[in-house]
Amino acid sequence: MKPAPSSVNGSKKVSDFNVAAHGLRGLAAVMVLLAHILGGTAKHIYADVPAYVEGIKAPWYLGTFGVELFFVISGFVIFPSTLRYLPREFALRRFFRLYPLFFALSLIFIALNAGTNAYPKINSVETVVAGLLFINLFTGTEQLTPNAWSLTYEVMFYILVYGIVYFVVHKRNMAAAIVMVLIATLFLVVFPIAVYFLMGVGIRLASRSEWAPRISPRFLEIAFLLLMLLFASQGHFEYRWQDFRHPAVIPIMLSTGFYFFFAVMPGSLTARALDNRLMRYLGTVSYSLYLVHPYTYFLARWAFDRYGLFTSDVAASIALFTCIVVLLTMPLTHVIHISLELWPYQRFFRQRIYRRRGAEPSLRETAAS
């Protein structure tokens, strides 16, 4: 049953859909998929082929950067919901948006790992409980299903940012707001990667004001995109404080922020490039694609390895492997997206996550975030 409306002032939801952000979400999921294919085979299959290992480093590093891009998009997309909804509805919408799919895939991982003991450190009650409750950052244990480590950061971001907005905007309790800001600052100090979420929030706020740079916004968009790609391909970083000694880390963060700011502007080159049926679809299924593809990847890698399909012709083997992974992943992603991502949310709230209005669905599609 749909809960009683609890949005602020009882107002109807205003569209916060952004073509560029939606398309970049799909692109980020594809980046992570390709990173697994390239990095995984370099580490586990062709580790003794130096030319391949060295040759895929830049695209591999760039692919793993898709997670940080997800974080920026999350900050940009979710912030309006913290203003729109009161606590109960915000929590319910976030729960039904993320948890059913996460829980189902986590149960699959728990069952497989219990049977095979492939990851002994994760095969414990403490780790399973911490993972399912998204408190693994504080227990020092790992998340369960592959890629789900980033969801813990997402959930912490939701809690902290909503707490600040709630006391600043909804309750106007400055003392409580200051406490929440201090807690959020402590979290940022302990986990600096959270700055990407903050970056997305800042860009959302900045994008609301009219600002006309003297230099062409499209020129700046391209320039910062190229800089972001250059710096992000220099290495894989977990954004611990020691990583900030690397000369590429700060430039990655700065170029990403500036690029995303110009990308989400109306009429940006990114919006024009990504406003097509394929990228709209990938943006829509990006969450399912992000969590589903590690399973199809591992299955395909196991089969290729077992039946000798990884041959000395590395290029041909990787090309075939990539095709098989994609062919396995996309249909399964579509089914999972409908059954575990869309259905629980739409069943509970009696509304679509993605709705189309008017004659231009790519520009009018709105997300119930």
Protein backbone atom coordinates (compact mmCIF):
# COMPACT_ATOMS: atom_id res chain seq x y z
CA MET A 1 0.00 0.00 0.00
CA LYS A 2 1.27 3.45 -0.83
CA PRO A 3 2.13 5.46 2.29
CA ALA A 4 0.44 8.76 3.02
CA PRO A 5 2.23 11.64 1.33
CA SER A 6 4.88 13.12 3.59
CA SER A 7 6.66 15.46 1.23
CA VAL A 8 7.46 18.91 2.52
CA ASN A 9 4.44 21.22 2.39
CA GLY A 10 2.55 18.43 0.63
CA SER A 11 3.90 19.69 -2.68
CA LYS A 12 4.09 17.57 -5.76
CA LYS A 13 7.46 16.40 -6.87
CA VAL A 14 9.24 18.68 -9.31
CA SER A 15 11.36 17.09 -12.00
CA ASP A 16 15.06 17.13 -11.18
CA PHE A 17 15.95 14.91 -14.11
CA ASN A 18 19.18 15.85 -15.85
CA VAL A 19 20.02 14.22 -19.18
CA ALA A 20 23.78 14.41 -18.70
CA ALA A 21 23.74 13.04 -15.14
CA HIS A 22 21.45 10.18 -16.19
CA GLY A 23 23.61 9.25 -19.17
CA LEU A 24 26.82 9.51 -17.16
CA ARG A 25 25.35 7.09 -14.64
CA GLY A 26 25.01 4.50 -17.39
CA LEU A 27 28.47 5.30 -18.70
CA ALA A 28 29.94 4.88 -15.21
CA ALA A 29 28.39 1.40 -14.91
CA VAL A 30 29.88 0.40 -18.27
CA MET A 31 33.27 1.77 -17.16
CA VAL A 32 33.23 -0.46 -14.07
CA LEU A 33 32.20 -3.47 -16.19
CA LEU A 34 35.11 -2.92 -18.59
CA ALA A 35 37.46 -2.40 -15.65
CA HIS A 36 36.55 -5.84 -14.32
CA ILE A 37 37.08 -7.44 -17.70
CA LEU A 38 40.46 -5.82 -18.31
CA GLY A 39 41.83 -5.72 -14.78
CA GLY A 40 40.50 -9.13 -13.82
CA THR A 41 42.05 -10.90 -16.79
CA ALA A 42 45.33 -9.02 -16.35
CA LYS A 43 45.52 -10.14 -12.73
CA HIS A 44 44.19 -13.68 -12.94
CA ILE A 45 44.66 -14.89 -16.52
CA TYR A 46 47.41 -13.01 -18.33
CA ALA A 47 49.54 -11.92 -15.39
CA ASP A 48 52.55 -13.46 -17.15
CA VAL A 49 52.02 -11.38 -20.30
CA PRO A 50 53.69 -8.05 -19.48
CA ALA A 51 52.58 -6.37 -22.70
CA TYR A 52 48.93 -6.98 -21.86
CA VAL A 53 49.26 -6.07 -18.18
CA GLU A 54 50.98 -2.79 -19.01
CA GLY A 55 48.78 -2.06 -22.01
CA ILE A 56 45.49 -2.19 -20.11
CA LYS A 57 46.55 -0.19 -17.07
CA ALA A 58 45.30 3.20 -18.28
CA PRO A 59 41.83 1.99 -19.37
CA TRP A 60 41.63 -0.22 -16.28
CA TYR A 61 42.36 2.72 -13.97
CA LEU A 62 39.90 4.87 -15.88
CA GLY A 63 37.25 2.16 -15.57
CA THR A 64 37.58 1.91 -11.81
CA PHE A 65 37.11 5.68 -11.65
CA GLY A 66 33.51 5.01 -12.67
CA VAL A 67 32.73 4.43 -8.97
CA GLU A 68 33.87 7.94 -8.01
CA LEU A 69 31.79 9.30 -10.88
CA PHE A 70 28.80 7.42 -9.42
CA PHE A 71 29.39 9.18 -6.11
CA VAL A 72 29.34 12.65 -7.69
CA ILE A 73 26.13 11.80 -9.56
CA SER A 74 24.58 10.47 -6.35
CA GLY A 75 25.27 13.71 -4.49
CA PHE A 76 23.82 15.70 -7.39
CA VAL A 77 20.70 13.55 -7.79
CA ILE A 78 19.80 12.78 -4.18
CA PHE A 79 20.16 16.24 -2.64
CA PRO A 80 16.77 17.51 -3.96
CA SER A 81 15.08 14.52 -2.29
CA THR A 82 16.46 15.58 1.09
CA LEU A 83 14.60 18.88 0.62
CA ARG A 84 11.44 17.32 -0.73
CA TYR A 85 10.68 14.50 1.71
CA LEU A 86 10.20 14.21 5.43
CA PRO A 87 12.23 11.49 7.22
CA ARG A 88 9.85 8.55 6.91
CA GLU A 89 9.23 8.88 3.20
CA PHE A 90 12.85 9.69 2.40
CA ALA A 91 13.98 6.56 4.25
CA LEU A 92 11.33 4.37 2.62
CA ARG A 93 12.14 5.62 -0.86
CA ARG A 94 15.85 5.03 -0.38
CA PHE A 95 15.20 1.60 1.12
CA PHE A 96 12.97 0.36 -1.69
CA ARG A 97 15.22 1.92 -4.29
CA LEU A 98 18.38 0.14 -3.13
CA TYR A 99 17.78 -2.67 -0.69
CA PRO A 100 15.68 -5.35 -2.45
CA LEU A 101 18.23 -5.78 -5.26
CA PHE A 102 21.18 -5.54 -2.88
CA PHE A 103 19.62 -8.04 -0.46
CA ALA A 104 18.78 -10.61 -3.15
CA LEU A 105 22.27 -10.55 -4.68
CA SER A 106 23.84 -10.59 -1.22
CA LEU A 107 21.91 -13.75 -0.35
CA ILE A 108 23.21 -15.37 -3.54
CA PHE A 109 26.76 -14.41 -2.62
CA ILE A 110 26.35 -15.65 0.98
CA ALA A 111 25.03 -19.00 -0.24
CA LEU A 112 27.78 -19.43 -2.85
CA ASN A 113 30.51 -18.45 -0.43
CA ALA A 114 29.13 -20.72 2.29
CA GLY A 115 29.26 -23.64 -0.14
CA THR A 116 32.67 -22.92 -1.66
CA ASN A 117 34.43 -20.94 1.09
CA ALA A 118 36.11 -19.01 -1.71
CA TYR A 119 36.39 -15.95 0.53
CA PRO A 120 36.94 -17.29 4.07
CA LYS A 121 37.21 -13.85 5.68
CA ILE A 122 33.70 -12.98 4.50
CA ASN A 123 32.27 -16.34 5.57
CA SER A 124 31.37 -15.27 9.11
CA VAL A 125 28.24 -14.19 10.93
CA GLU A 126 29.79 -10.85 11.92
CA THR A 127 30.70 -10.00 8.33
CA VAL A 128 27.31 -11.05 6.96
CA VAL A 129 25.34 -9.06 9.54
CA ALA A 130 27.56 -5.98 9.16
CA GLY A 131 27.28 -6.16 5.40
CA LEU A 132 23.50 -6.48 5.36
CA LEU A 133 23.17 -3.55 7.79
CA PHE A 134 25.69 -1.35 5.94
CA ILE A 135 27.89 -0.95 9.01
CA ASN A 136 30.93 -2.78 7.63
CA LEU A 137 32.94 0.47 7.50
CA PHE A 138 32.75 0.60 11.29
CA THR A 139 33.29 -3.10 12.02
CA GLY A 140 36.32 -3.31 9.73
CA THR A 141 34.75 -6.15 7.74
CA GLU A 142 34.15 -6.38 4.00
CA GLN A 143 30.91 -5.96 2.12
CA LEU A 144 29.28 -9.06 0.72
CA THR A 145 28.34 -9.02 -2.93
CA PRO A 146 31.03 -7.65 -5.29
CA ASN A 147 30.84 -3.87 -5.86
CA ALA A 148 28.52 -3.43 -2.87
CA TRP A 149 31.28 -1.74 -0.86
CA SER A 150 30.27 1.52 -2.54
CA LEU A 151 26.66 1.13 -1.33
CA THR A 152 27.81 1.48 2.28
CA TYR A 153 29.21 4.90 1.42
CA GLU A 154 25.94 5.73 -0.36
CA VAL A 155 23.86 4.87 2.69
CA MET A 156 26.15 6.84 5.02
CA PHE A 157 25.88 9.79 2.64
CA TYR A 158 22.07 9.59 2.71
CA ILE A 159 21.98 9.56 6.49
CA LEU A 160 24.47 12.38 7.03
CA VAL A 161 23.25 14.75 4.34
CA TYR A 162 19.61 14.18 5.21
CA GLY A 163 20.42 14.78 8.87
CA ILE A 164 21.98 18.14 8.06
CA VAL A 165 19.17 19.20 5.72
CA TYR A 166 16.52 18.02 8.17
CA PHE A 167 17.78 20.17 11.01
CA VAL A 168 18.68 23.16 8.81
CA VAL A 169 15.64 23.25 6.50
CA HIS A 170 12.83 21.20 8.02
CA LYS A 171 13.34 21.77 11.75
CA ARG A 172 15.50 24.93 11.74
CA ASN A 173 17.39 23.63 14.75
CA MET A 174 20.87 25.12 14.37
CA ALA A 175 22.36 23.36 17.39
CA ALA A 176 21.40 19.93 16.08
CA ALA A 177 22.49 20.98 12.58
CA ILE A 178 25.95 21.88 13.88
CA VAL A 179 26.24 18.48 15.56
CA MET A 180 25.31 16.78 12.28
CA VAL A 181 27.85 18.87 10.38
CA LEU A 182 30.55 17.89 12.86
CA ILE A 183 29.65 14.20 12.50
CA ALA A 184 29.67 14.51 8.71
CA THR A 185 33.03 16.30 8.84
CA LEU A 186 34.47 13.51 10.98
CA PHE A 187 33.20 10.95 8.48
CA LEU A 188 34.81 12.93 5.66
CA VAL A 189 38.11 13.08 7.52
CA VAL A 190 38.09 9.32 8.16
CA PHE A 191 36.83 8.46 4.66
CA PRO A 192 38.05 11.19 2.25
CA ILE A 193 36.45 9.47 -0.74
CA ALA A 194 33.16 10.93 0.53
CA VAL A 195 34.28 14.29 -0.89
CA TYR A 196 32.87 13.13 -4.23
CA PHE A 197 29.36 13.05 -2.73
CA LEU A 198 29.90 16.52 -1.31
CA MET A 199 31.09 17.65 -4.73
CA GLY A 200 27.80 16.49 -6.28
CA VAL A 201 25.78 18.40 -3.68
CA GLY A 202 27.84 21.52 -4.27
CA ILE A 203 27.34 21.29 -8.02
CA ARG A 204 23.58 20.85 -7.54
CA LEU A 205 23.48 24.03 -5.47
CA ALA A 206 25.74 25.94 -7.85
CA SER A 207 23.74 24.85 -10.89
CA ARG A 208 20.65 26.58 -9.52
CA SER A 209 22.20 30.01 -9.98
CA GLU A 210 22.78 31.64 -13.33
CA TRP A 211 26.46 32.00 -14.12
CA ALA A 212 27.93 32.94 -17.48
CA PRO A 213 31.69 32.36 -17.77
CA ARG A 214 33.62 34.58 -20.13
CA ILE A 215 35.06 31.49 -21.79
CA SER A 216 32.67 29.23 -23.72
CA PRO A 217 31.12 26.67 -21.30
CA ARG A 218 31.45 23.98 -23.97
CA PHE A 219 35.15 24.70 -24.37
CA LEU A 220 35.60 24.43 -20.60
CA GLU A 221 33.52 21.25 -20.56
CA ILE A 222 35.77 19.59 -23.14
CA ALA A 223 38.95 20.87 -21.48
CA PHE A 224 38.02 19.55 -18.04
CA LEU A 225 36.76 16.27 -19.53
CA LEU A 226 40.14 15.67 -21.17
CA LEU A 227 41.95 16.58 -17.97
CA MET A 228 39.71 14.23 -15.96
CA LEU A 229 40.35 11.35 -18.37
CA LEU A 230 44.09 12.04 -18.32
CA PHE A 231 44.46 12.18 -14.55
CA ALA A 232 41.99 9.37 -13.76
CA SER A 233 43.98 7.01 -16.00
CA GLN A 234 47.12 7.49 -13.91
CA GLY A 235 46.25 5.00 -11.19
CA HIS A 236 43.67 3.33 -8.99
CA PHE A 237 43.16 5.14 -5.70
CA GLU A 238 41.20 4.20 -2.60
CA TYR A 239 41.39 7.80 -1.35
CA ARG A 240 43.09 7.11 1.91
CA TRP A 241 45.10 10.10 3.06
CA GLN A 242 48.36 8.55 1.87
CA ASP A 243 46.93 8.41 -1.66
CA PHE A 244 46.85 12.21 -1.70
CA ARG A 245 50.63 12.18 -2.00
CA HIS A 246 50.20 11.02 -5.59
CA PRO A 247 50.32 14.04 -7.89
CA ALA A 248 47.23 12.92 -9.83
CA VAL A 249 44.73 12.68 -6.95
CA ILE A 250 43.93 16.34 -6.36
CA PRO A 251 43.82 17.07 -10.13
CA ILE A 252 41.39 14.14 -10.58
CA MET A 253 39.04 15.61 -8.01
CA LEU A 254 39.25 19.18 -9.32
CA SER A 255 38.86 18.26 -12.99
CA THR A 256 35.96 15.93 -12.17
CA GLY A 257 34.11 18.64 -10.27
CA PHE A 258 34.59 21.25 -12.95
CA TYR A 259 33.74 18.86 -15.77
CA PHE A 260 30.55 17.65 -14.08
CA PHE A 261 29.50 21.24 -13.37
CA PHE A 262 29.67 22.13 -17.06
CA ALA A 263 28.28 18.73 -18.15
CA VAL A 264 25.00 19.20 -16.27
CA MET A 265 24.43 22.66 -17.69
CA PRO A 266 21.50 22.96 -20.12
CA GLY A 267 22.61 22.32 -23.68
CA SER A 268 25.98 20.84 -22.71
CA LEU A 269 27.91 18.69 -25.16
CA THR A 270 27.66 15.79 -22.69
CA ALA A 271 23.86 16.07 -22.63
CA ARG A 272 23.72 16.14 -26.42
CA ALA A 273 26.05 13.15 -26.74
CA LEU A 274 24.23 11.05 -24.16
CA ASP A 275 20.66 11.93 -25.09
CA ASN A 276 19.97 8.80 -27.09
CA ARG A 277 18.04 5.60 -26.54
CA LEU A 278 21.07 3.46 -25.64
CA MET A 279 22.46 5.82 -23.01
CA ARG A 280 19.02 6.54 -21.55
CA TYR A 281 18.54 2.79 -21.17
CA LEU A 282 21.98 2.24 -19.63
CA GLY A 283 21.35 5.10 -17.21
CA THR A 284 18.03 3.55 -16.22
CA VAL A 285 19.46 0.06 -15.57
CA SER A 286 22.83 1.30 -14.24
CA TYR A 287 22.25 0.17 -10.65
CA SER A 288 21.28 -3.34 -11.71
CA LEU A 289 24.13 -3.46 -14.22
CA TYR A 290 26.59 -2.35 -11.55
CA LEU A 291 25.62 -5.13 -9.12
CA VAL A 292 24.81 -7.92 -11.60
CA HIS A 293 27.84 -7.89 -13.87
CA PRO A 294 30.40 -9.26 -11.37
CA TYR A 295 28.45 -12.54 -11.29
CA THR A 296 28.30 -12.94 -15.06
CA TYR A 297 31.94 -11.87 -15.32
CA PHE A 298 33.11 -14.50 -12.81
CA LEU A 299 30.98 -17.18 -14.46
CA ALA A 300 32.34 -16.38 -17.91
CA ARG A 301 35.93 -16.20 -16.65
CA TRP A 302 35.57 -19.57 -14.94
CA ALA A 303 34.17 -21.16 -18.10
CA PHE A 304 36.82 -19.63 -20.37
CA ASP A 305 39.58 -20.71 -18.02
CA ARG A 306 38.21 -24.22 -17.58
CA TYR A 307 37.75 -24.89 -21.29
CA GLY A 308 40.95 -23.26 -22.48
CA LEU A 309 39.35 -20.33 -24.28
CA PHE A 310 41.97 -17.90 -23.01
CA THR A 311 44.59 -18.59 -25.65
CA SER A 312 47.98 -17.12 -26.56
CA ASP A 313 46.15 -14.79 -28.95
CA VAL A 314 45.37 -12.33 -26.17
CA ALA A 315 43.55 -9.76 -28.28
CA ALA A 316 41.18 -12.30 -29.83
CA SER A 317 40.56 -14.01 -26.48
CA ILE A 318 39.75 -10.76 -24.67
CA ALA A 319 37.52 -9.60 -27.52
CA LEU A 320 35.56 -12.87 -27.41
CA PHE A 321 35.47 -12.83 -23.62
CA THR A 322 34.13 -9.27 -23.59
CA CYS A 323 31.38 -10.16 -26.05
CA ILE A 324 30.32 -13.18 -24.00
CA VAL A 325 30.29 -11.21 -20.74
CA VAL A 326 28.15 -8.48 -22.31
CA LEU A 327 25.79 -11.02 -23.91
CA LEU A 328 25.33 -12.72 -20.55
CA THR A 329 25.10 -9.52 -18.55
CA MET A 330 22.61 -7.36 -20.42
CA PRO A 331 19.62 -9.74 -20.58
CA LEU A 332 20.11 -10.71 -16.94
CA THR A 333 20.47 -7.06 -15.99
CA HIS A 334 17.18 -6.26 -17.73
CA VAL A 335 15.32 -9.03 -15.91
CA ILE A 336 16.85 -8.12 -12.54
CA HIS A 337 16.11 -4.44 -13.12
CA ILE A 338 12.43 -5.12 -13.70
CA SER A 339 11.93 -7.74 -10.99
CA LEU A 340 14.16 -6.56 -8.13
CA GLU A 341 14.74 -2.87 -8.80
CA LEU A 342 11.51 -1.56 -10.32
CA TRP A 343 8.85 -3.91 -9.00
CA PRO A 344 9.31 -3.50 -5.21
CA TYR A 345 9.50 0.31 -5.43
CA GLN A 346 6.58 0.65 -7.81
CA ARG A 347 4.50 -1.88 -5.91
CA PHE A 348 4.96 -0.03 -2.63
CA PHE A 349 4.62 3.56 -3.84
CA ARG A 350 2.14 2.91 -6.66
CA GLN A 351 4.22 5.03 -9.01
CA ARG A 352 6.95 4.47 -11.54
CA ILE A 353 10.57 5.17 -10.71
CA TYR A 354 10.98 6.50 -14.22
CA ARG A 355 8.05 8.30 -15.80
CA ARG A 356 7.74 9.89 -19.20
CA ARG A 357 5.76 12.97 -19.97
CA GLY A 358 5.11 14.89 -23.12
CA ALA A 359 6.45 14.31 -26.59
CA GLU A 360 10.15 14.23 -25.74
CA PRO A 361 10.68 11.35 -23.31
CA SER A 362 14.44 11.67 -23.22
CA LEU A 363 14.19 15.20 -21.89
CA ARG A 364 10.99 14.85 -19.88
CA GLU A 365 11.69 11.55 -18.14
CA THR A 366 11.72 12.05 -14.39
CA ALA A 367 13.21 9.96 -11.64
CA ALA A 368 11.42 9.47 -8.34
CA SER A 369 14.66 9.70 -6.39
